[in-house]
Amino acid sequence: MFKFLKNVSREMKKVSWPKGKELTSYTVVVISTVVFMAVFFGLIDLGISELLNLFF
């Protein structure tokens, strides 16, 4: 177990972490994509629901 944790620690030191500006831009991209997809699928769901209400 300790060998595993030591190896994990060693590998984590090799990781290239994003800088503050990169992190901010990545965060904005992820949040805007999630919001866009939520609105898109919400509108699709609303449209399908209304279409089904017209038929039934």
N, C-alpha and C. Protein backbone atom coordinates (compact mmCIF):
# COMPACT_ATOMS: atom_id res chain seq x y z
N MET A 1 0.83 -1.19 0.00
CA MET A 1 0.00 0.00 0.00
C MET A 1 0.87 1.25 0.00
N PHE A 2 1.92 1.25 0.83
CA PHE A 2 2.79 2.43 0.90
C PHE A 2 3.57 2.63 -0.40
N LYS A 3 3.93 1.54 -1.04
CA LYS A 3 4.63 1.64 -2.32
C LYS A 3 3.72 2.28 -3.37
N PHE A 4 2.46 1.88 -3.37
CA PHE A 4 1.50 2.45 -4.30
C PHE A 4 1.37 3.95 -4.08
N LEU A 5 1.20 4.37 -2.82
CA LEU A 5 1.05 5.80 -2.51
C LEU A 5 2.31 6.58 -2.87
N LYS A 6 3.46 5.97 -2.68
CA LYS A 6 4.71 6.62 -3.06
C LYS A 6 4.77 6.82 -4.56
N ASN A 7 4.36 5.80 -5.32
CA ASN A 7 4.33 5.90 -6.78
C ASN A 7 3.33 6.95 -7.24
N VAL A 8 2.19 7.01 -6.59
CA VAL A 8 1.19 8.03 -6.92
C VAL A 8 1.77 9.42 -6.68
N SER A 9 2.42 9.60 -5.56
CA SER A 9 3.04 10.89 -5.24
C SER A 9 4.08 11.27 -6.29
N ARG A 10 4.87 10.32 -6.70
CA ARG A 10 5.91 10.56 -7.70
C ARG A 10 5.29 10.96 -9.04
N GLU A 11 4.23 10.27 -9.43
CA GLU A 11 3.57 10.58 -10.70
C GLU A 11 2.87 11.94 -10.65
N MET A 12 2.30 12.29 -9.51
CA MET A 12 1.60 13.57 -9.40
C MET A 12 2.56 14.75 -9.56
N LYS A 13 3.82 14.56 -9.22
CA LYS A 13 4.82 15.62 -9.39
C LYS A 13 5.14 15.84 -10.87
N LYS A 14 4.88 14.83 -11.71
CA LYS A 14 5.14 14.94 -13.15
C LYS A 14 4.00 15.61 -13.91
N VAL A 15 2.85 15.73 -13.26
CA VAL A 15 1.66 16.27 -13.92
C VAL A 15 1.87 17.75 -14.23
N SER A 16 1.45 18.14 -15.42
CA SER A 16 1.51 19.55 -15.82
C SER A 16 0.16 20.19 -15.48
N TRP A 17 0.11 20.93 -14.38
CA TRP A 17 -1.13 21.54 -13.93
C TRP A 17 -1.38 22.84 -14.69
N PRO A 18 -2.65 23.15 -15.03
CA PRO A 18 -2.93 24.39 -15.75
C PRO A 18 -2.69 25.62 -14.88
N LYS A 19 -2.29 26.70 -15.54
CA LYS A 19 -2.10 27.97 -14.84
C LYS A 19 -3.47 28.59 -14.57
N GLY A 20 -3.48 29.67 -13.79
CA GLY A 20 -4.74 30.30 -13.40
C GLY A 20 -5.59 30.75 -14.58
N LYS A 21 -4.95 31.38 -15.58
CA LYS A 21 -5.69 31.87 -16.73
C LYS A 21 -6.27 30.72 -17.55
N GLU A 22 -5.49 29.66 -17.73
CA GLU A 22 -5.97 28.47 -18.45
C GLU A 22 -7.13 27.83 -17.70
N LEU A 23 -6.98 27.73 -16.39
CA LEU A 23 -8.02 27.10 -15.58
C LEU A 23 -9.33 27.88 -15.68
N THR A 24 -9.23 29.21 -15.66
CA THR A 24 -10.42 30.04 -15.78
C THR A 24 -11.09 29.84 -17.13
N SER A 25 -10.30 29.82 -18.20
CA SER A 25 -10.90 29.66 -19.53
C SER A 25 -11.51 28.26 -19.68
N TYR A 26 -10.85 27.24 -19.16
CA TYR A 26 -11.41 25.88 -19.22
C TYR A 26 -12.73 25.80 -18.44
N THR A 27 -12.76 26.45 -17.28
CA THR A 27 -13.96 26.44 -16.45
C THR A 27 -15.11 27.12 -17.17
N VAL A 28 -14.84 28.25 -17.81
CA VAL A 28 -15.88 28.97 -18.55
C VAL A 28 -16.40 28.11 -19.70
N VAL A 29 -15.51 27.44 -20.41
CA VAL A 29 -15.93 26.58 -21.52
C VAL A 29 -16.81 25.44 -21.01
N VAL A 30 -16.42 24.81 -19.93
CA VAL A 30 -17.20 23.68 -19.40
C VAL A 30 -18.57 24.15 -18.92
N ILE A 31 -18.63 25.24 -18.17
CA ILE A 31 -19.91 25.73 -17.64
C ILE A 31 -20.82 26.18 -18.77
N SER A 32 -20.28 26.90 -19.76
CA SER A 32 -21.11 27.35 -20.87
C SER A 32 -21.62 26.17 -21.70
N THR A 33 -20.80 25.14 -21.87
CA THR A 33 -21.23 23.96 -22.60
C THR A 33 -22.35 23.23 -21.86
N VAL A 34 -22.21 23.11 -20.55
CA VAL A 34 -23.25 22.44 -19.75
C VAL A 34 -24.55 23.22 -19.81
N VAL A 35 -24.47 24.56 -19.69
CA VAL A 35 -25.69 25.39 -19.75
C VAL A 35 -26.33 25.27 -21.13
N PHE A 36 -25.53 25.34 -22.18
CA PHE A 36 -26.06 25.23 -23.54
C PHE A 36 -26.76 23.89 -23.74
N MET A 37 -26.12 22.81 -23.32
CA MET A 37 -26.71 21.49 -23.49
C MET A 37 -27.99 21.33 -22.67
N ALA A 38 -28.03 21.90 -21.46
CA ALA A 38 -29.23 21.82 -20.63
C ALA A 38 -30.38 22.56 -21.29
N VAL A 39 -30.12 23.76 -21.82
CA VAL A 39 -31.16 24.52 -22.50
C VAL A 39 -31.60 23.80 -23.77
N PHE A 40 -30.64 23.29 -24.53
CA PHE A 40 -30.95 22.59 -25.78
C PHE A 40 -31.85 21.38 -25.52
N PHE A 41 -31.45 20.53 -24.59
CA PHE A 41 -32.25 19.34 -24.32
C PHE A 41 -33.57 19.69 -23.63
N GLY A 42 -33.59 20.77 -22.86
CA GLY A 42 -34.85 21.22 -22.27
C GLY A 42 -35.83 21.65 -23.35
N LEU A 43 -35.34 22.38 -24.35
CA LEU A 43 -36.21 22.80 -25.45
C LEU A 43 -36.66 21.61 -26.29
N ILE A 44 -35.76 20.67 -26.53
CA ILE A 44 -36.13 19.46 -27.27
C ILE A 44 -37.21 18.69 -26.51
N ASP A 45 -37.04 18.54 -25.21
CA ASP A 45 -38.01 17.84 -24.38
C ASP A 45 -39.36 18.55 -24.41
N LEU A 46 -39.32 19.87 -24.30
CA LEU A 46 -40.56 20.65 -24.33
C LEU A 46 -41.25 20.49 -25.68
N GLY A 47 -40.48 20.53 -26.75
CA GLY A 47 -41.06 20.37 -28.08
C GLY A 47 -41.69 19.00 -28.27
N ILE A 48 -41.00 17.97 -27.84
CA ILE A 48 -41.55 16.61 -27.98
C ILE A 48 -42.79 16.45 -27.11
N SER A 49 -42.77 17.01 -25.91
CA SER A 49 -43.94 16.94 -25.03
C SER A 49 -45.15 17.63 -25.65
N GLU A 50 -44.94 18.81 -26.21
CA GLU A 50 -46.03 19.53 -26.85
C GLU A 50 -46.54 18.78 -28.08
N LEU A 51 -45.63 18.19 -28.84
CA LEU A 51 -46.01 17.42 -30.02
C LEU A 51 -46.85 16.21 -29.61
N LEU A 52 -46.46 15.53 -28.55
CA LEU A 52 -47.24 14.39 -28.07
C LEU A 52 -48.59 14.82 -27.51
N ASN A 53 -48.66 16.00 -26.88
CA ASN A 53 -49.93 16.49 -26.36
C ASN A 53 -50.89 16.81 -27.49
N LEU A 54 -50.39 17.22 -28.65
CA LEU A 54 -51.26 17.49 -29.78
C LEU A 54 -51.89 16.21 -30.33
N PHE A 55 -51.13 15.11 -30.29
CA PHE A 55 -51.63 13.85 -30.83
C PHE A 55 -52.56 13.12 -29.85
N PHE A 56 -52.33 13.28 -28.57
CA PHE A 56 -53.11 12.51 -27.60
C PHE A 56 -53.99 13.38 -26.80
